[in-house]
Amino acid sequence: MKKVLLIVGSMREKAFNRQAALMAQKMLEKKADVSILSYEDLPQMNQDIEFPAPEAVARVRKQVAEADGLWFFTPEYNHSYPGVLKNLLDWLSRPTQPGVRESSVIWGKKAAITGASGRSAASFARAKLTELLDFIGVDMISTQVGMAVTPEEFETDELVLSDSTKSELKNQAQTFLTYLG
């Protein structure tokens, strides 16, 4: 079975993107070995502490290196992806061997992007995340799913997907599994 690592761009316990990731995890049940990356203990990227890598950095790099695919779930903050996700990607994109860009653990990884946010359905964050991931050498599927969180969902803190959005997410999951080979 392929290993899929879900990466949620929010640290909030009841984050809509965490809920979406949990839904995707259920959709991939028995089709892939799926886990959610825990990275809240990462220090801020700092070249002064880069070598040797801090323990938290080494741990997340190992998990990313062992994954066949990465599935990102991003909220949208000020028309972009969150700082915690950027910090993670900064660490993952750094070479593990000084000066050898392709030695980063994320270089060449296959990925998918989903985003839940307000009316924009995280379209701005997904576009900017696509640009960043492309720059750091990630190989992405073109299928993305955006989820527009309603005012009622913001009040209840519960993501409720329409049948059409559930179908889009299921199709994305299947497309991603096929892409992983």
Protein backbone atom coordinates (compact mmCIF):
# COMPACT_ATOMS: atom_id res chain seq x y z
CA MET A 1 0.00 0.00 0.00
CA LYS A 2 1.12 3.52 -0.76
CA LYS A 3 1.91 5.85 2.15
CA VAL A 4 0.00 9.12 2.06
CA LEU A 5 0.89 11.88 4.49
CA LEU A 6 -1.82 14.48 5.09
CA ILE A 7 -0.52 17.96 5.89
CA VAL A 8 -2.97 20.38 7.48
CA GLY A 9 -2.09 24.06 7.25
CA SER A 10 -3.80 24.99 10.51
CA MET A 11 -2.90 24.20 14.09
CA ARG A 12 -6.45 24.81 15.33
CA GLU A 13 -7.92 21.67 16.86
CA LYS A 14 -11.29 22.06 15.13
CA ALA A 15 -9.84 23.50 11.92
CA PHE A 16 -12.05 23.00 8.87
CA ASN A 17 -9.04 21.72 6.94
CA ARG A 18 -8.29 19.19 9.68
CA GLN A 19 -11.90 18.02 9.37
CA ALA A 20 -11.49 17.77 5.59
CA ALA A 21 -8.25 15.79 6.05
CA LEU A 22 -10.03 13.38 8.39
CA MET A 23 -12.75 12.91 5.76
CA ALA A 24 -10.09 12.21 3.13
CA GLN A 25 -8.38 9.78 5.50
CA LYS A 26 -11.64 7.79 5.75
CA MET A 27 -12.00 7.83 1.96
CA LEU A 28 -8.52 6.34 1.63
CA GLU A 29 -9.11 3.68 4.27
CA LYS A 30 -7.92 0.24 3.13
CA LYS A 31 -6.58 1.83 -0.07
CA ALA A 32 -3.49 3.51 1.40
CA ASP A 33 -1.52 3.80 4.62
CA VAL A 34 -2.59 7.30 5.73
CA SER A 35 -1.38 9.51 8.57
CA ILE A 36 -1.57 13.18 9.49
CA LEU A 37 1.70 15.04 9.96
CA SER A 38 2.17 16.60 13.39
CA TYR A 39 4.49 19.58 13.11
CA GLU A 40 3.39 22.13 15.70
CA ASP A 41 6.75 21.83 17.49
CA LEU A 42 8.85 22.99 14.51
CA PRO A 43 11.10 25.92 15.29
CA GLN A 44 11.11 28.89 12.93
CA MET A 45 13.40 28.28 9.95
CA ASN A 46 16.81 29.60 10.88
CA GLN A 47 20.05 28.81 9.05
CA ASP A 48 21.95 29.15 12.32
CA ILE A 49 20.33 25.92 13.59
CA GLU A 50 20.04 24.11 10.27
CA PHE A 51 22.96 21.68 10.66
CA PRO A 52 22.52 19.44 12.49
CA ALA A 53 18.76 19.65 12.05
CA PRO A 54 16.73 20.13 15.23
CA GLU A 55 14.97 16.97 16.43
CA ALA A 56 11.49 18.15 15.33
CA VAL A 57 12.82 18.98 11.85
CA ALA A 58 14.53 15.59 11.53
CA ARG A 59 11.30 13.85 12.58
CA VAL A 60 9.06 15.60 10.01
CA ARG A 61 11.68 15.21 7.29
CA LYS A 62 11.78 11.47 7.97
CA GLN A 63 7.98 11.20 7.73
CA VAL A 64 7.92 13.17 4.48
CA ALA A 65 10.80 11.13 3.03
CA GLU A 66 8.97 7.88 3.82
CA ALA A 67 5.69 9.03 2.24
CA ASP A 68 4.79 8.20 -1.34
CA GLY A 69 2.50 11.21 -1.53
CA LEU A 70 1.66 14.39 0.35
CA TRP A 71 -1.88 15.76 0.49
CA PHE A 72 -2.06 19.39 1.61
CA PHE A 73 -5.17 20.89 3.23
CA THR A 74 -4.82 24.63 3.44
CA PRO A 75 -6.91 27.42 4.87
CA GLU A 76 -6.62 30.89 3.44
CA TYR A 77 -5.18 33.73 5.52
CA ASN A 78 -5.08 37.15 3.85
CA HIS A 79 -5.39 35.55 0.38
CA SER A 80 -2.45 33.22 1.03
CA TYR A 81 -1.49 30.05 2.89
CA PRO A 82 -0.73 30.23 6.64
CA GLY A 83 2.69 31.02 8.09
CA VAL A 84 2.93 27.65 9.87
CA LEU A 85 2.61 25.87 6.54
CA LYS A 86 5.20 28.17 4.94
CA ASN A 87 7.60 27.48 7.83
CA LEU A 88 7.14 23.72 7.38
CA LEU A 89 7.78 23.99 3.65
CA ASP A 90 10.83 26.18 4.24
CA TRP A 91 12.33 23.43 6.42
CA LEU A 92 11.33 20.64 4.01
CA SER A 93 12.73 22.46 1.00
CA ARG A 94 16.16 23.02 2.53
CA PRO A 95 18.88 20.63 1.35
CA THR A 96 19.84 17.87 3.74
CA GLN A 97 23.30 18.10 2.16
CA PRO A 98 24.65 21.65 2.09
CA GLY A 99 24.39 23.15 -1.38
CA VAL A 100 22.56 20.23 -3.06
CA ARG A 101 19.01 21.50 -3.74
CA GLU A 102 17.74 18.12 -4.92
CA SER A 103 18.71 16.59 -1.55
CA SER A 104 15.66 18.13 0.11
CA VAL A 105 13.16 15.53 1.30
CA ILE A 106 10.30 17.17 -0.60
CA TRP A 107 12.04 17.36 -4.00
CA GLY A 108 10.17 15.12 -6.47
CA LYS A 109 7.37 14.21 -4.04
CA LYS A 110 3.90 13.74 -5.48
CA ALA A 111 1.22 15.93 -3.95
CA ALA A 112 -2.41 17.02 -3.97
CA ILE A 113 -3.98 20.23 -2.67
CA THR A 114 -7.35 20.81 -1.06
CA GLY A 115 -8.48 23.94 0.72
CA ALA A 116 -11.39 25.00 2.89
CA SER A 117 -11.97 28.67 3.58
CA GLY A 118 -14.66 31.31 3.22
CA ARG A 119 -16.35 32.28 -0.05
CA SER A 120 -13.10 31.96 -2.02
CA ALA A 121 -12.92 28.23 -1.23
CA ALA A 122 -9.21 28.89 -0.53
CA SER A 123 -8.64 29.62 -4.23
CA PHE A 124 -5.97 32.27 -3.55
CA ALA A 125 -4.16 30.08 -1.02
CA ARG A 126 -4.32 27.06 -3.32
CA ALA A 127 -2.90 29.07 -6.22
CA LYS A 128 -0.03 30.44 -4.15
CA LEU A 129 0.65 27.05 -2.58
CA THR A 130 0.74 25.51 -6.07
CA GLU A 131 3.31 28.12 -7.11
CA LEU A 132 5.48 27.47 -4.04
CA LEU A 133 5.30 23.68 -4.31
CA ASP A 134 6.19 23.83 -7.97
CA PHE A 135 9.19 26.02 -7.16
CA ILE A 136 10.51 23.59 -4.51
CA GLY A 137 10.26 20.61 -6.86
CA VAL A 138 6.98 18.99 -5.89
CA ASP A 139 5.07 17.05 -8.56
CA MET A 140 1.35 17.86 -8.15
CA ILE A 141 -1.83 16.48 -9.60
CA SER A 142 -3.84 19.15 -11.40
CA THR A 143 -7.10 18.23 -9.65
CA GLN A 144 -7.76 20.47 -6.66
CA VAL A 145 -10.80 20.77 -4.42
CA GLY A 146 -11.89 24.02 -2.86
CA MET A 147 -14.51 24.13 -0.15
CA ALA A 148 -16.43 27.32 0.67
CA VAL A 149 -17.13 27.37 4.39
CA THR A 150 -20.54 28.88 5.14
CA PRO A 151 -21.34 31.39 7.89
CA GLU A 152 -23.29 28.64 9.68
CA GLU A 153 -20.23 26.36 9.62
CA PHE A 154 -18.12 29.17 11.08
CA GLU A 155 -20.68 29.43 13.91
CA THR A 156 -20.81 25.69 14.63
CA ASP A 157 -17.13 24.93 13.88
CA GLU A 158 -18.30 21.93 11.88
CA LEU A 159 -17.50 21.36 8.20
CA VAL A 160 -20.48 19.87 6.38
CA LEU A 161 -19.83 18.86 2.79
CA SER A 162 -22.51 18.89 0.12
CA ASP A 163 -22.95 15.72 -1.89
CA SER A 164 -21.19 17.34 -4.85
CA THR A 165 -18.20 18.40 -2.71
CA LYS A 166 -17.99 14.92 -1.16
CA SER A 167 -17.95 13.52 -4.69
CA GLU A 168 -15.18 15.96 -5.70
CA LEU A 169 -13.11 14.94 -2.68
CA LYS A 170 -13.64 11.23 -3.44
CA ASN A 171 -12.61 11.81 -7.06
CA GLN A 172 -9.53 13.73 -5.93
CA ALA A 173 -8.61 10.87 -3.57
CA GLN A 174 -8.93 8.33 -6.38
CA THR A 175 -7.03 10.52 -8.83
CA PHE A 176 -4.25 10.95 -6.30
CA LEU A 177 -4.00 7.21 -5.60
CA THR A 178 -3.82 6.54 -9.34
CA TYR A 179 -1.14 9.23 -9.67
CA LEU A 180 0.92 7.56 -6.95
CA GLY A 181 0.90 4.38 -9.02
